[in-house]
Amino acid sequence: MATDNSLNTGKGRSFQKQASELLSHFFGVEFRLGYPIPIGIPPKEHRFDLVSADSRYVGECKNYSWTEGGNVPSAKMGFVNEAVFYLSFLSPEIIRFIVMRKDIHPTRRESVADYYHRTYHHLLKGVFIIEVNVENGAIKEIGRIVR
């Protein structure tokens, strides 16, 4: 019998595809999914979730939510930090972002993306957060300085 966790990969891919379509319109570029870019020294390829055809926009997708009880999904925040780490190896001229699904728990006043930005903004170093509302396609930039 399948558990909710066994479905996470499929949900993540579905969110990645939806985010790609929405952000293609938002930025006016087409995105490649799971595109490899060499990072580090010596260089090793990392497959980034979203990379524009001109490689000017690079992002990682996170389809995370609050726990059922409204607690912080602590381990998942670590995976967001890991994604920020990978993005930090790219040139600052590249527009680097984390795209997160909008999720607000009834006991919380902020979304997971707003919580992440408020708590970890000191680690972002030019990476910004994009929140996508999968129900209506709305996009919210969090911490973006200029485009």
C-alpha atoms as a PDB file:
ATOM      1  CA  MET A   1       0.000   0.000   0.000  1.00  0.00           C
ATOM      2  CA  ALA A   2       1.383   3.413  -0.990  1.00  0.00           C
ATOM      3  CA  THR A   3       2.042   6.021   1.654  1.00  0.00           C
ATOM      4  CA  ASP A   4       1.842   9.773   1.149  1.00  0.00           C
ATOM      5  CA  ASN A   5       5.661   9.924   1.118  1.00  0.00           C
ATOM      6  CA  SER A   6       5.855   7.463  -1.777  1.00  0.00           C
ATOM      7  CA  LEU A   7       3.911   9.962  -3.892  1.00  0.00           C
ATOM      8  CA  ASN A   8       6.203  12.927  -3.130  1.00  0.00           C
ATOM      9  CA  THR A   9       8.418  12.493  -6.200  1.00  0.00           C
ATOM     10  CA  GLY A  10       5.426  12.599  -8.545  1.00  0.00           C
ATOM     11  CA  LYS A  11       3.973  15.606  -6.733  1.00  0.00           C
ATOM     12  CA  GLY A  12       7.346  17.343  -6.967  1.00  0.00           C
ATOM     13  CA  ARG A  13       7.600  16.714 -10.708  1.00  0.00           C
ATOM     14  CA  SER A  14       4.051  17.929 -11.235  1.00  0.00           C
ATOM     15  CA  PHE A  15       4.822  21.119  -9.285  1.00  0.00           C
ATOM     16  CA  GLN A  16       8.072  21.576 -11.232  1.00  0.00           C
ATOM     17  CA  LYS A  17       6.178  21.394 -14.540  1.00  0.00           C
ATOM     18  CA  GLN A  18       3.467  23.787 -13.352  1.00  0.00           C
ATOM     19  CA  ALA A  19       6.063  26.217 -11.964  1.00  0.00           C
ATOM     20  CA  SER A  20       7.951  26.046 -15.267  1.00  0.00           C
ATOM     21  CA  GLU A  21       4.849  26.991 -17.236  1.00  0.00           C
ATOM     22  CA  LEU A  22       3.876  29.847 -14.909  1.00  0.00           C
ATOM     23  CA  LEU A  23       7.401  31.248 -14.653  1.00  0.00           C
ATOM     24  CA  SER A  24       7.909  31.006 -18.418  1.00  0.00           C
ATOM     25  CA  HIS A  25       5.107  33.540 -18.788  1.00  0.00           C
ATOM     26  CA  PHE A  26       6.289  35.588 -15.783  1.00  0.00           C
ATOM     27  CA  PHE A  27       9.900  35.971 -16.975  1.00  0.00           C
ATOM     28  CA  GLY A  28       9.192  35.719 -20.710  1.00  0.00           C
ATOM     29  CA  VAL A  29      11.573  32.782 -21.227  1.00  0.00           C
ATOM     30  CA  GLU A  30      11.260  29.041 -21.800  1.00  0.00           C
ATOM     31  CA  PHE A  31      12.625  26.714 -19.115  1.00  0.00           C
ATOM     32  CA  ARG A  32      14.414  23.393 -19.453  1.00  0.00           C
ATOM     33  CA  LEU A  33      13.668  20.927 -16.640  1.00  0.00           C
ATOM     34  CA  GLY A  34      16.446  19.119 -14.808  1.00  0.00           C
ATOM     35  CA  TYR A  35      19.181  20.785 -16.830  1.00  0.00           C
ATOM     36  CA  PRO A  36      22.807  20.134 -15.770  1.00  0.00           C
ATOM     37  CA  ILE A  37      25.212  22.982 -15.046  1.00  0.00           C
ATOM     38  CA  PRO A  38      28.775  22.413 -13.799  1.00  0.00           C
ATOM     39  CA  ILE A  39      29.450  23.975 -10.372  1.00  0.00           C
ATOM     40  CA  GLY A  40      32.325  23.978  -7.895  1.00  0.00           C
ATOM     41  CA  ILE A  41      36.050  23.348  -8.244  1.00  0.00           C
ATOM     42  CA  PRO A  42      36.733  20.975  -9.809  1.00  0.00           C
ATOM     43  CA  PRO A  43      33.423  21.367 -11.660  1.00  0.00           C
ATOM     44  CA  LYS A  44      30.748  18.723 -11.176  1.00  0.00           C
ATOM     45  CA  GLU A  45      27.368  18.804 -12.880  1.00  0.00           C
ATOM     46  CA  HIS A  46      24.293  19.588 -10.806  1.00  0.00           C
ATOM     47  CA  ARG A  47      20.861  19.225 -12.384  1.00  0.00           C
ATOM     48  CA  PHE A  48      18.910  22.374 -11.606  1.00  0.00           C
ATOM     49  CA  ASP A  49      15.126  22.091 -11.706  1.00  0.00           C
ATOM     50  CA  LEU A  50      14.552  25.118 -13.969  1.00  0.00           C
ATOM     51  CA  VAL A  51      17.098  26.622 -16.365  1.00  0.00           C
ATOM     52  CA  SER A  52      16.104  29.115 -19.053  1.00  0.00           C
ATOM     53  CA  ALA A  53      17.188  28.394 -22.619  1.00  0.00           C
ATOM     54  CA  ASP A  54      19.709  31.269 -22.390  1.00  0.00           C
ATOM     55  CA  SER A  55      20.823  30.079 -18.891  1.00  0.00           C
ATOM     56  CA  ARG A  56      20.100  33.554 -17.505  1.00  0.00           C
ATOM     57  CA  TYR A  57      17.449  32.233 -15.066  1.00  0.00           C
ATOM     58  CA  VAL A  58      18.117  29.239 -12.821  1.00  0.00           C
ATOM     59  CA  GLY A  59      15.849  27.928 -10.102  1.00  0.00           C
ATOM     60  CA  GLU A  60      15.084  25.066  -7.789  1.00  0.00           C
ATOM     61  CA  CYS A  61      11.509  23.942  -6.982  1.00  0.00           C
ATOM     62  CA  LYS A  62      10.238  23.027  -3.518  1.00  0.00           C
ATOM     63  CA  ASN A  63       6.700  21.712  -3.114  1.00  0.00           C
ATOM     64  CA  TYR A  64       6.588  21.924   0.688  1.00  0.00           C
ATOM     65  CA  SER A  65       3.822  22.496   3.222  1.00  0.00           C
ATOM     66  CA  TRP A  66       3.402  22.983   6.946  1.00  0.00           C
ATOM     67  CA  THR A  67       2.993  19.775   8.937  1.00  0.00           C
ATOM     68  CA  GLU A  68      -0.566  18.663   9.618  1.00  0.00           C
ATOM     69  CA  GLY A  69      -0.338  20.248  13.083  1.00  0.00           C
ATOM     70  CA  GLY A  70       1.043  23.520  11.691  1.00  0.00           C
ATOM     71  CA  ASN A  71       4.634  22.891  12.732  1.00  0.00           C
ATOM     72  CA  VAL A  72       7.686  23.885  10.725  1.00  0.00           C
ATOM     73  CA  PRO A  73       8.831  21.109   8.368  1.00  0.00           C
ATOM     74  CA  SER A  74      12.387  21.420   9.741  1.00  0.00           C
ATOM     75  CA  ALA A  75      14.074  18.760   7.617  1.00  0.00           C
ATOM     76  CA  LYS A  76      12.546  20.261   4.478  1.00  0.00           C
ATOM     77  CA  MET A  77      13.960  23.675   5.382  1.00  0.00           C
ATOM     78  CA  GLY A  78      17.369  22.003   5.299  1.00  0.00           C
ATOM     79  CA  PHE A  79      16.691  20.876   1.722  1.00  0.00           C
ATOM     80  CA  VAL A  80      15.817  24.466   0.776  1.00  0.00           C
ATOM     81  CA  ASN A  81      19.139  25.564   2.315  1.00  0.00           C
ATOM     82  CA  GLU A  82      20.885  22.898   0.231  1.00  0.00           C
ATOM     83  CA  ALA A  83      19.231  24.261  -2.935  1.00  0.00           C
ATOM     84  CA  VAL A  84      20.355  27.801  -2.002  1.00  0.00           C
ATOM     85  CA  PHE A  85      23.884  26.416  -1.532  1.00  0.00           C
ATOM     86  CA  TYR A  86      23.916  24.934  -5.057  1.00  0.00           C
ATOM     87  CA  LEU A  87      22.557  28.173  -6.540  1.00  0.00           C
ATOM     88  CA  SER A  88      25.257  30.165  -4.702  1.00  0.00           C
ATOM     89  CA  PHE A  89      27.897  28.613  -6.991  1.00  0.00           C
ATOM     90  CA  LEU A  90      26.389  30.330 -10.026  1.00  0.00           C
ATOM     91  CA  SER A  91      27.452  33.758 -11.230  1.00  0.00           C
ATOM     92  CA  PRO A  92      25.650  36.690  -9.552  1.00  0.00           C
ATOM     93  CA  GLU A  93      24.661  37.852 -13.069  1.00  0.00           C
ATOM     94  CA  ILE A  94      22.375  34.820 -13.283  1.00  0.00           C
ATOM     95  CA  ILE A  95      18.907  35.357 -11.811  1.00  0.00           C
ATOM     96  CA  ARG A  96      18.829  32.645  -9.140  1.00  0.00           C
ATOM     97  CA  PHE A  97      15.668  31.659  -7.295  1.00  0.00           C
ATOM     98  CA  ILE A  98      13.844  29.065  -5.223  1.00  0.00           C
ATOM     99  CA  VAL A  99      10.218  28.561  -6.247  1.00  0.00           C
ATOM    100  CA  MET A 100       7.929  27.304  -3.484  1.00  0.00           C
ATOM    101  CA  ARG A 101       4.264  26.322  -3.490  1.00  0.00           C
ATOM    102  CA  LYS A 102       2.044  28.680  -1.503  1.00  0.00           C
ATOM    103  CA  ASP A 103       0.926  26.896   1.658  1.00  0.00           C
ATOM    104  CA  ILE A 104      -0.676  28.580   4.668  1.00  0.00           C
ATOM    105  CA  HIS A 105      -1.787  26.530   7.671  1.00  0.00           C
ATOM    106  CA  PRO A 106      -4.943  27.706   9.512  1.00  0.00           C
ATOM    107  CA  THR A 107      -2.896  28.253  12.691  1.00  0.00           C
ATOM    108  CA  ARG A 108      -0.151  30.232  10.920  1.00  0.00           C
ATOM    109  CA  ARG A 109      -0.089  33.826   9.705  1.00  0.00           C
ATOM    110  CA  GLU A 110       2.506  33.262   7.020  1.00  0.00           C
ATOM    111  CA  SER A 111       3.185  30.888   4.178  1.00  0.00           C
ATOM    112  CA  VAL A 112       6.034  28.382   4.184  1.00  0.00           C
ATOM    113  CA  ALA A 113       7.864  30.608   1.671  1.00  0.00           C
ATOM    114  CA  ASP A 114       7.417  33.727   3.833  1.00  0.00           C
ATOM    115  CA  TYR A 115       8.577  31.755   6.884  1.00  0.00           C
ATOM    116  CA  TYR A 116      11.646  30.490   5.033  1.00  0.00           C
ATOM    117  CA  HIS A 117      12.589  33.971   3.845  1.00  0.00           C
ATOM    118  CA  ARG A 118      12.062  35.530   7.281  1.00  0.00           C
ATOM    119  CA  THR A 119      14.110  32.846   9.014  1.00  0.00           C
ATOM    120  CA  TYR A 120      16.892  32.169   6.501  1.00  0.00           C
ATOM    121  CA  HIS A 121      17.239  35.392   4.461  1.00  0.00           C
ATOM    122  CA  HIS A 122      20.798  35.794   5.761  1.00  0.00           C
ATOM    123  CA  LEU A 123      21.830  32.711   3.730  1.00  0.00           C
ATOM    124  CA  LEU A 124      20.314  33.779   0.419  1.00  0.00           C
ATOM    125  CA  LYS A 125      23.202  35.898  -1.000  1.00  0.00           C
ATOM    126  CA  GLY A 126      21.304  37.130  -4.059  1.00  0.00           C
ATOM    127  CA  VAL A 127      18.998  34.128  -4.364  1.00  0.00           C
ATOM    128  CA  PHE A 128      15.368  35.109  -4.009  1.00  0.00           C
ATOM    129  CA  ILE A 129      12.177  33.243  -3.251  1.00  0.00           C
ATOM    130  CA  ILE A 130       9.205  32.954  -5.586  1.00  0.00           C
ATOM    131  CA  GLU A 131       5.910  31.712  -4.203  1.00  0.00           C
ATOM    132  CA  VAL A 132       3.464  30.091  -6.626  1.00  0.00           C
ATOM    133  CA  ASN A 133      -0.208  29.664  -5.852  1.00  0.00           C
ATOM    134  CA  VAL A 134      -1.045  26.441  -7.706  1.00  0.00           C
ATOM    135  CA  GLU A 135      -4.784  27.074  -7.373  1.00  0.00           C
ATOM    136  CA  ASN A 136      -4.908  30.381  -9.256  1.00  0.00           C
ATOM    137  CA  GLY A 137      -1.439  30.710 -10.839  1.00  0.00           C
ATOM    138  CA  ALA A 138      -0.528  33.836  -8.832  1.00  0.00           C
ATOM    139  CA  ILE A 139       3.185  34.511  -8.407  1.00  0.00           C
ATOM    140  CA  LYS A 140       4.727  36.455  -5.526  1.00  0.00           C
ATOM    141  CA  GLU A 141       8.378  37.485  -5.393  1.00  0.00           C
ATOM    142  CA  ILE A 142       9.830  37.475  -1.874  1.00  0.00           C
ATOM    143  CA  GLY A 143      13.070  39.346  -1.271  1.00  0.00           C
ATOM    144  CA  ARG A 144      13.664  40.356  -4.880  1.00  0.00           C
ATOM    145  CA  ILE A 145      15.559  43.615  -5.217  1.00  0.00           C
ATOM    146  CA  VAL A 146      15.373  44.464  -8.943  1.00  0.00           C
ATOM    147  CA  ARG A 147      14.745  42.698 -12.223  1.00  0.00           C
END
